[in-house]
N, C-alpha and C. Protein backbone atom coordinates (compact mmCIF):
# COMPACT_ATOMS: atom_id res chain seq x y z
N MET A 1 0.82 -1.24 -0.05
CA MET A 1 -0.02 -0.03 0.00
C MET A 1 0.90 1.22 0.04
N LYS A 2 1.94 1.24 0.85
CA LYS A 2 2.88 2.33 0.78
C LYS A 2 3.46 2.66 -0.60
N LEU A 3 3.89 1.49 -1.24
CA LEU A 3 4.40 1.71 -2.63
C LEU A 3 3.39 2.27 -3.49
N PHE A 4 2.13 1.91 -3.42
CA PHE A 4 1.09 2.50 -4.26
C PHE A 4 0.92 4.00 -4.02
N ARG A 5 0.99 4.42 -2.73
CA ARG A 5 0.81 5.91 -2.44
C ARG A 5 2.07 6.61 -2.96
N LEU A 6 3.28 6.04 -2.81
CA LEU A 6 4.39 6.59 -3.33
C LEU A 6 4.33 6.83 -4.87
N ILE A 7 4.03 5.80 -5.56
CA ILE A 7 3.94 5.94 -6.95
C ILE A 7 2.83 6.98 -7.43
N THR A 8 1.73 6.95 -6.74
CA THR A 8 0.69 7.82 -7.09
C THR A 8 1.15 9.31 -6.77
N GLY A 9 1.85 9.62 -5.69
CA GLY A 9 2.27 10.94 -5.40
C GLY A 9 3.41 11.37 -6.43
N VAL A 10 4.20 10.41 -6.85
CA VAL A 10 5.21 10.89 -7.89
C VAL A 10 4.50 11.24 -9.13
N LEU A 11 3.60 10.34 -9.56
CA LEU A 11 2.84 10.64 -10.80
C LEU A 11 2.07 12.03 -10.76
N LEU A 12 1.35 12.26 -9.56
CA LEU A 12 0.68 13.59 -9.41
C LEU A 12 1.66 14.78 -9.46
N ALA A 13 2.81 14.59 -8.81
CA ALA A 13 3.70 15.69 -8.78
C ALA A 13 4.14 15.93 -10.18
N GLY A 14 4.47 14.84 -11.02
CA GLY A 14 4.88 15.12 -12.24
C GLY A 14 3.86 15.64 -13.26
N SER A 15 2.54 15.21 -13.06
CA SER A 15 1.51 15.84 -13.97
C SER A 15 1.24 17.26 -13.60
N MET A 16 1.47 17.69 -12.25
CA MET A 16 1.24 19.08 -11.89
C MET A 16 2.34 20.00 -12.58
N SER A 17 3.51 19.56 -12.62
CA SER A 17 4.61 20.26 -13.19
C SER A 17 4.27 20.49 -14.73
N ILE A 18 3.69 19.57 -15.25
CA ILE A 18 3.43 19.70 -16.71
C ILE A 18 2.23 20.65 -16.93
N ALA A 19 1.22 20.53 -16.06
CA ALA A 19 0.00 21.32 -16.15
C ALA A 19 0.37 22.84 -15.93
N THR A 20 1.48 23.16 -15.20
CA THR A 20 1.63 24.56 -14.97
C THR A 20 2.82 25.11 -15.86
N ALA A 21 3.12 24.31 -16.83
CA ALA A 21 4.17 24.83 -17.88
C ALA A 21 3.61 26.12 -18.33
N ASP A 22 4.57 27.06 -18.55
CA ASP A 22 4.14 28.39 -18.99
C ASP A 22 5.06 28.86 -20.20
N LEU A 23 5.10 28.17 -21.29
CA LEU A 23 5.93 28.63 -22.47
C LEU A 23 5.40 29.87 -23.18
N GLU A 24 6.22 30.76 -23.61
CA GLU A 24 5.76 31.86 -24.36
C GLU A 24 6.33 31.83 -25.82
N PRO A 25 5.39 31.93 -26.74
CA PRO A 25 5.79 32.06 -28.18
C PRO A 25 6.83 33.15 -28.47
N TRP A 26 7.79 32.90 -29.20
CA TRP A 26 8.81 33.81 -29.61
C TRP A 26 9.83 34.13 -28.48
N THR A 27 9.51 33.67 -27.27
CA THR A 27 10.46 33.76 -26.10
C THR A 27 11.10 32.26 -25.98
N ASP A 28 10.20 31.29 -25.77
CA ASP A 28 10.56 30.02 -25.53
C ASP A 28 10.68 29.12 -26.75
N TYR A 29 9.92 29.57 -27.86
CA TYR A 29 9.93 28.84 -29.09
C TYR A 29 9.44 29.85 -30.17
N ASP A 30 9.93 29.50 -31.40
CA ASP A 30 9.63 30.29 -32.62
C ASP A 30 8.46 29.49 -33.40
N ILE A 31 7.69 30.26 -34.05
CA ILE A 31 6.59 29.76 -35.01
C ILE A 31 7.03 30.22 -36.39
N SER A 32 7.04 29.21 -37.19
CA SER A 32 7.57 29.55 -38.67
C SER A 32 6.49 30.43 -39.30
N GLU A 33 6.97 31.27 -40.28
CA GLU A 33 6.10 32.05 -41.17
C GLU A 33 5.61 31.09 -42.15
N GLY A 34 6.35 30.06 -42.58
CA GLY A 34 5.81 29.12 -43.57
C GLY A 34 4.68 28.33 -43.07
N VAL A 35 3.70 27.91 -43.94
CA VAL A 35 2.70 26.99 -43.52
C VAL A 35 2.69 25.83 -44.44
N SER A 36 2.28 24.76 -43.89
CA SER A 36 2.10 23.53 -44.69
C SER A 36 0.69 23.05 -44.61
N ASN A 37 0.18 22.61 -45.81
CA ASN A 37 -1.06 21.94 -45.92
C ASN A 37 -0.89 20.43 -45.89
N VAL A 38 -1.37 19.69 -44.90
CA VAL A 38 -1.21 18.30 -44.78
C VAL A 38 -2.49 17.55 -44.98
N THR A 39 -2.63 16.67 -45.84
CA THR A 39 -3.71 15.98 -46.17
C THR A 39 -3.44 14.46 -45.85
N THR A 40 -4.20 13.84 -45.06
CA THR A 40 -4.27 12.42 -44.61
C THR A 40 -5.17 11.64 -45.52
N VAL A 41 -4.75 10.60 -46.13
CA VAL A 41 -5.57 9.79 -46.98
C VAL A 41 -5.56 8.37 -46.68
N LYS A 42 -6.79 7.72 -46.63
CA LYS A 42 -6.76 6.20 -46.54
C LYS A 42 -7.04 5.65 -47.80
N VAL A 43 -6.07 4.92 -48.39
CA VAL A 43 -6.05 4.39 -49.76
C VAL A 43 -6.37 2.84 -49.51
N ASP A 44 -7.20 2.24 -50.31
CA ASP A 44 -7.25 0.79 -50.13
C ASP A 44 -5.76 0.17 -50.41
N SER A 45 -5.44 -0.63 -49.44
CA SER A 45 -4.07 -1.02 -49.37
C SER A 45 -3.55 -1.70 -50.72
N ASN A 46 -4.52 -2.32 -51.39
CA ASN A 46 -4.05 -2.98 -52.71
C ASN A 46 -4.11 -2.08 -53.84
N ARG A 47 -4.47 -0.71 -53.53
CA ARG A 47 -4.53 0.17 -54.58
C ARG A 47 -3.59 1.51 -54.55
N ILE A 48 -2.63 1.37 -53.57
CA ILE A 48 -1.73 2.38 -53.27
C ILE A 48 -0.91 2.67 -54.56
N ASP A 49 -0.38 1.71 -55.29
CA ASP A 49 0.38 2.03 -56.50
C ASP A 49 -0.56 2.65 -57.47
N THR A 50 -1.77 2.32 -57.64
CA THR A 50 -2.78 2.97 -58.56
C THR A 50 -2.91 4.45 -58.18
N TYR A 51 -3.07 4.62 -56.94
CA TYR A 51 -3.24 6.02 -56.49
C TYR A 51 -1.96 6.80 -56.74
N LEU A 52 -0.78 6.26 -56.40
CA LEU A 52 0.47 7.03 -56.68
C LEU A 52 0.62 7.30 -58.21
N GLU A 53 0.21 6.29 -59.00
CA GLU A 53 0.33 6.59 -60.46
C GLU A 53 -0.56 7.70 -60.87
N GLY A 54 -1.77 7.78 -60.32
CA GLY A 54 -2.60 8.97 -60.57
C GLY A 54 -2.01 10.24 -60.21
N LEU A 55 -1.49 10.11 -58.90
CA LEU A 55 -0.88 11.38 -58.29
C LEU A 55 0.36 11.94 -59.20
N SER A 56 1.08 10.93 -59.73
CA SER A 56 2.23 11.27 -60.57
C SER A 56 1.77 11.91 -61.90
N LYS A 57 0.59 11.82 -62.23
CA LYS A 57 0.07 12.48 -63.50
C LYS A 57 -0.89 13.75 -63.23
N THR A 58 -1.21 13.89 -61.98
CA THR A 58 -2.22 15.03 -61.68
C THR A 58 -1.62 15.90 -60.55
N TRP A 59 -1.56 15.33 -59.32
CA TRP A 59 -1.20 16.25 -58.20
C TRP A 59 0.18 16.63 -58.24
N ALA A 60 1.14 15.83 -58.53
CA ALA A 60 2.57 16.14 -58.69
C ALA A 60 2.88 17.23 -59.64
N PRO A 61 2.36 17.01 -60.96
CA PRO A 61 2.66 18.03 -62.01
C PRO A 61 2.00 19.41 -61.61
N ALA A 62 0.82 19.29 -61.06
CA ALA A 62 0.24 20.58 -60.63
C ALA A 62 1.10 21.33 -59.63
N ASN A 63 1.58 20.51 -58.73
CA ASN A 63 2.58 21.16 -57.69
C ASN A 63 3.85 21.64 -58.31
N ASP A 64 4.33 20.83 -59.30
CA ASP A 64 5.46 21.37 -60.15
C ASP A 64 5.32 22.79 -60.74
N VAL A 65 3.98 22.87 -61.41
CA VAL A 65 3.71 24.18 -61.94
C VAL A 65 3.65 25.21 -60.88
N ALA A 66 3.01 24.91 -59.84
CA ALA A 66 2.93 26.02 -58.73
C ALA A 66 4.34 26.27 -58.24
N MET A 67 5.27 25.42 -58.09
CA MET A 67 6.63 25.72 -57.65
C MET A 67 7.29 26.60 -58.69
N GLU A 68 7.16 26.25 -59.98
CA GLU A 68 7.75 27.10 -61.03
C GLU A 68 7.32 28.43 -60.90
N LEU A 69 5.98 28.68 -60.58
CA LEU A 69 5.42 30.07 -60.59
C LEU A 69 5.73 30.67 -59.23
N GLY A 70 6.32 29.96 -58.30
CA GLY A 70 6.58 30.49 -56.99
C GLY A 70 5.47 30.57 -56.01
N GLN A 71 4.31 29.83 -56.45
CA GLN A 71 3.21 29.83 -55.54
C GLN A 71 3.31 28.93 -54.42
N ILE A 72 4.27 27.87 -54.49
CA ILE A 72 4.47 27.04 -53.32
C ILE A 72 5.93 26.76 -53.29
N GLU A 73 6.49 26.42 -52.04
CA GLU A 73 7.91 26.19 -52.05
C GLU A 73 8.31 24.75 -52.33
N ASP A 74 7.58 23.81 -51.91
CA ASP A 74 7.74 22.37 -52.42
C ASP A 74 6.68 21.48 -51.85
N TYR A 75 6.66 20.16 -52.15
CA TYR A 75 5.66 19.26 -51.75
C TYR A 75 6.32 17.90 -51.62
N SER A 76 5.54 16.98 -50.85
CA SER A 76 6.00 15.68 -50.59
C SER A 76 4.76 14.75 -50.57
N ILE A 77 5.18 13.46 -50.80
CA ILE A 77 4.04 12.37 -50.58
C ILE A 77 4.82 11.35 -49.63
N TYR A 78 4.12 10.95 -48.64
CA TYR A 78 4.56 9.90 -47.74
C TYR A 78 3.65 8.76 -47.75
N VAL A 79 4.11 7.51 -47.74
CA VAL A 79 3.35 6.23 -47.80
C VAL A 79 3.71 5.46 -46.60
N SER A 80 2.77 4.99 -45.81
CA SER A 80 3.05 4.17 -44.64
C SER A 80 3.62 2.80 -44.90
N GLU A 81 4.60 2.37 -44.36
CA GLU A 81 5.11 1.07 -44.37
C GLU A 81 4.11 -0.09 -43.86
N LEU A 82 3.17 0.41 -43.20
CA LEU A 82 2.03 -0.44 -42.61
C LEU A 82 0.66 0.02 -43.03
N PRO A 83 0.30 -0.21 -44.34
CA PRO A 83 -0.85 0.34 -45.04
C PRO A 83 -2.14 0.04 -44.40
N ASN A 84 -2.19 -1.08 -43.67
CA ASN A 84 -3.51 -1.52 -43.01
C ASN A 84 -3.58 -1.01 -41.61
N SER A 85 -2.63 -0.30 -41.09
CA SER A 85 -2.67 0.07 -39.72
C SER A 85 -3.12 1.66 -39.63
N GLY A 86 -3.93 2.02 -38.77
CA GLY A 86 -4.28 3.34 -38.50
C GLY A 86 -5.36 3.86 -39.47
N ASP A 87 -5.62 5.21 -39.22
CA ASP A 87 -6.70 5.81 -40.07
C ASP A 87 -6.30 6.27 -41.47
N PHE A 88 -5.02 6.41 -41.64
CA PHE A 88 -4.49 6.85 -43.02
C PHE A 88 -3.23 6.12 -43.40
N ASN A 89 -2.94 6.03 -44.64
CA ASN A 89 -1.69 5.46 -45.10
C ASN A 89 -0.84 6.22 -46.06
N VAL A 90 -1.48 7.31 -46.51
CA VAL A 90 -0.79 8.23 -47.52
C VAL A 90 -0.95 9.66 -46.89
N VAL A 91 0.16 10.46 -46.97
CA VAL A 91 0.15 11.85 -46.53
C VAL A 91 0.79 12.64 -47.65
N LEU A 92 -0.07 13.68 -47.95
CA LEU A 92 0.34 14.67 -48.93
C LEU A 92 0.57 16.06 -48.24
N VAL A 93 1.76 16.57 -48.56
CA VAL A 93 2.20 17.80 -47.95
C VAL A 93 2.49 18.83 -49.01
N VAL A 94 2.04 19.99 -48.75
CA VAL A 94 2.48 21.21 -49.69
C VAL A 94 2.96 22.29 -48.76
N ASN A 95 4.16 22.80 -48.89
CA ASN A 95 4.73 23.88 -48.15
C ASN A 95 4.74 25.04 -48.79
N MET A 96 4.31 26.09 -48.09
CA MET A 96 4.17 27.54 -48.74
C MET A 96 5.08 28.58 -47.85
N LYS A 97 5.61 29.42 -48.48
CA LYS A 97 6.44 30.55 -47.80
C LYS A 97 5.77 31.11 -46.64
N ASP A 98 4.43 31.47 -46.78
CA ASP A 98 3.70 32.16 -45.64
C ASP A 98 2.17 31.94 -46.08
N ALA A 99 1.37 32.41 -45.10
CA ALA A 99 -0.08 32.27 -45.26
C ALA A 99 -0.67 33.04 -46.38
N SER A 100 0.10 34.12 -46.95
CA SER A 100 -0.40 34.93 -48.07
C SER A 100 -0.52 34.01 -49.27
N ALA A 101 0.19 32.93 -49.35
CA ALA A 101 0.16 31.99 -50.53
C ALA A 101 -1.23 31.28 -50.46
N LEU A 102 -1.97 31.36 -49.45
CA LEU A 102 -3.27 30.67 -49.39
C LEU A 102 -4.33 31.51 -49.98
N GLN A 103 -4.12 32.83 -50.04
CA GLN A 103 -5.08 33.78 -50.51
C GLN A 103 -5.32 33.65 -52.03
N PRO A 104 -6.46 33.34 -52.45
CA PRO A 104 -6.63 33.17 -53.89
C PRO A 104 -6.68 34.58 -54.55
N THR A 105 -5.98 34.60 -55.81
CA THR A 105 -6.16 35.82 -56.56
C THR A 105 -6.31 35.40 -58.04
N LYS A 106 -6.97 36.29 -58.70
CA LYS A 106 -7.32 36.05 -60.10
C LYS A 106 -5.93 35.88 -60.91
N GLU A 107 -4.99 36.73 -60.61
CA GLU A 107 -3.65 36.73 -61.23
C GLU A 107 -2.96 35.37 -61.07
N ARG A 108 -2.94 34.86 -59.87
CA ARG A 108 -2.28 33.57 -59.61
C ARG A 108 -3.03 32.44 -60.37
N TYR A 109 -4.33 32.46 -60.29
CA TYR A 109 -5.10 31.41 -60.98
C TYR A 109 -4.93 31.44 -62.43
N GLU A 110 -4.98 32.62 -63.03
CA GLU A 110 -4.81 32.69 -64.51
C GLU A 110 -3.32 32.23 -64.90
N ALA A 111 -2.34 32.65 -64.03
CA ALA A 111 -0.94 32.24 -64.40
C ALA A 111 -0.83 30.79 -64.20
N PHE A 112 -1.52 30.13 -63.22
CA PHE A 112 -1.53 28.68 -63.08
C PHE A 112 -2.11 28.06 -64.27
N MET A 113 -3.37 28.38 -64.61
CA MET A 113 -4.09 27.66 -65.64
C MET A 113 -3.26 27.83 -67.03
N LYS A 114 -2.70 28.87 -67.24
CA LYS A 114 -2.00 29.08 -68.52
C LYS A 114 -0.85 28.17 -68.51
N ALA A 115 -0.01 28.02 -67.44
CA ALA A 115 1.14 27.16 -67.38
C ALA A 115 0.73 25.68 -67.33
N TRP A 116 -0.43 25.40 -66.73
CA TRP A 116 -0.92 24.06 -66.57
C TRP A 116 -1.35 23.53 -67.88
N GLY A 117 -2.04 24.28 -68.72
CA GLY A 117 -2.34 23.86 -70.07
C GLY A 117 -3.55 22.83 -70.24
N GLU A 118 -4.10 22.87 -71.40
CA GLU A 118 -5.23 22.06 -71.64
C GLU A 118 -5.04 20.56 -71.61
N GLU A 119 -3.75 20.22 -72.02
CA GLU A 119 -3.45 18.79 -72.01
C GLU A 119 -3.45 18.16 -70.53
N ASN A 120 -2.73 18.93 -69.70
CA ASN A 120 -2.72 18.57 -68.27
C ASN A 120 -4.03 18.48 -67.59
N GLN A 121 -4.90 19.53 -68.04
CA GLN A 121 -6.38 19.60 -67.48
C GLN A 121 -7.16 18.42 -68.00
N ALA A 122 -6.85 17.98 -69.22
CA ALA A 122 -7.63 16.81 -69.79
C ALA A 122 -7.19 15.46 -69.02
N THR A 123 -6.03 15.39 -68.72
CA THR A 123 -5.54 14.21 -67.96
C THR A 123 -6.07 14.30 -66.53
N ASN A 124 -6.07 15.39 -65.98
CA ASN A 124 -6.59 15.55 -64.58
C ASN A 124 -8.16 15.25 -64.58
N ASP A 125 -8.82 15.71 -65.61
CA ASP A 125 -10.30 15.45 -65.75
C ASP A 125 -10.50 13.98 -65.81
N GLU A 126 -9.68 13.25 -66.48
CA GLU A 126 -9.82 11.84 -66.73
C GLU A 126 -9.49 11.05 -65.40
N ILE A 127 -8.51 11.41 -64.67
CA ILE A 127 -8.01 10.54 -63.57
C ILE A 127 -8.60 10.88 -62.28
N VAL A 128 -8.71 12.12 -61.96
CA VAL A 128 -9.16 12.49 -60.69
C VAL A 128 -10.62 11.90 -60.24
N PRO A 129 -11.55 11.76 -61.13
CA PRO A 129 -12.80 11.11 -60.84
C PRO A 129 -12.69 9.63 -60.39
N THR A 130 -11.56 9.07 -60.67
CA THR A 130 -11.44 7.67 -60.28
C THR A 130 -10.87 7.51 -58.81
N TYR A 131 -10.49 8.64 -58.18
CA TYR A 131 -9.93 8.52 -56.87
C TYR A 131 -10.98 8.08 -55.76
N PRO A 132 -12.13 8.59 -55.72
CA PRO A 132 -13.07 8.14 -54.67
C PRO A 132 -13.31 6.71 -54.61
N GLY A 133 -13.06 5.92 -55.74
CA GLY A 133 -13.25 4.50 -55.68
C GLY A 133 -12.12 3.79 -54.97
N ILE A 134 -11.04 4.44 -54.71
CA ILE A 134 -9.88 3.82 -54.11
C ILE A 134 -9.38 4.45 -52.78
N ARG A 135 -9.88 5.64 -52.58
CA ARG A 135 -9.32 6.39 -51.29
C ARG A 135 -10.39 7.25 -50.67
N THR A 136 -10.02 7.56 -49.40
CA THR A 136 -10.99 8.57 -48.71
C THR A 136 -9.92 9.60 -48.00
N ILE A 137 -10.31 10.80 -48.23
CA ILE A 137 -9.50 11.80 -47.50
C ILE A 137 -9.98 11.84 -46.03
N VAL A 138 -9.23 11.58 -45.11
CA VAL A 138 -9.56 11.51 -43.73
C VAL A 138 -9.24 12.72 -42.87
N GLY A 139 -8.31 13.60 -43.39
CA GLY A 139 -8.07 14.82 -42.66
C GLY A 139 -7.24 15.76 -43.47
N GLU A 140 -7.41 17.05 -43.17
CA GLU A 140 -6.65 18.17 -43.78
C GLU A 140 -6.31 19.13 -42.69
N TYR A 141 -5.06 19.58 -42.62
CA TYR A 141 -4.44 20.38 -41.60
C TYR A 141 -3.60 21.54 -42.24
N LEU A 142 -3.80 22.52 -41.57
CA LEU A 142 -2.81 23.70 -41.93
C LEU A 142 -1.91 23.88 -40.69
N VAL A 143 -0.61 23.56 -40.90
CA VAL A 143 0.37 23.53 -39.76
C VAL A 143 1.48 24.43 -39.98
N ARG A 144 2.07 24.90 -38.82
CA ARG A 144 3.28 25.64 -38.70
C ARG A 144 4.39 24.93 -37.92
N GLU A 145 5.56 25.06 -38.36
CA GLU A 145 6.67 24.45 -37.50
C GLU A 145 6.94 25.18 -36.37
N VAL A 146 7.13 24.52 -35.28
CA VAL A 146 7.61 25.07 -33.99
C VAL A 146 8.99 24.64 -33.66
N THR A 147 9.80 25.63 -33.36
CA THR A 147 11.25 25.43 -32.94
C THR A 147 11.56 25.98 -31.58
N PHE A 148 11.93 25.04 -30.79
CA PHE A 148 12.22 25.42 -29.39
C PHE A 148 13.64 26.07 -29.34
N LYS A 149 13.78 27.09 -28.46
CA LYS A 149 14.95 27.93 -28.33
C LYS A 149 15.90 27.17 -27.32
């Protein structure tokens, strides 16, 4: 019984110190100006290669165009080594310089569509409608990096 009380006391003391933590942004840690759009996707595990093939013809080229135009900084695709484990097995990430890149403008749209071209749009129109049959978007997040000082 004494051992139980001792362990409980130690755990309570540890949790109280965590609960009273008082970090200050830009004093104790920095928050990036850059923002990342993170999309989590659950793809049927036997269709991941099909989904990646589609992304290689749609999502990736669109992001390449956006990078060439300076609209995004870069992008990444991550695939789980355990595709049947958890709520998602593919993660799509787009990194932007700052939140202003999220603000739509007619100029950015027109520049993108001109660079994207009719051939890419036709490919996109053909492939993208097949995605719902093999995947479900389970989350989308807008995140900033935190760096401790």
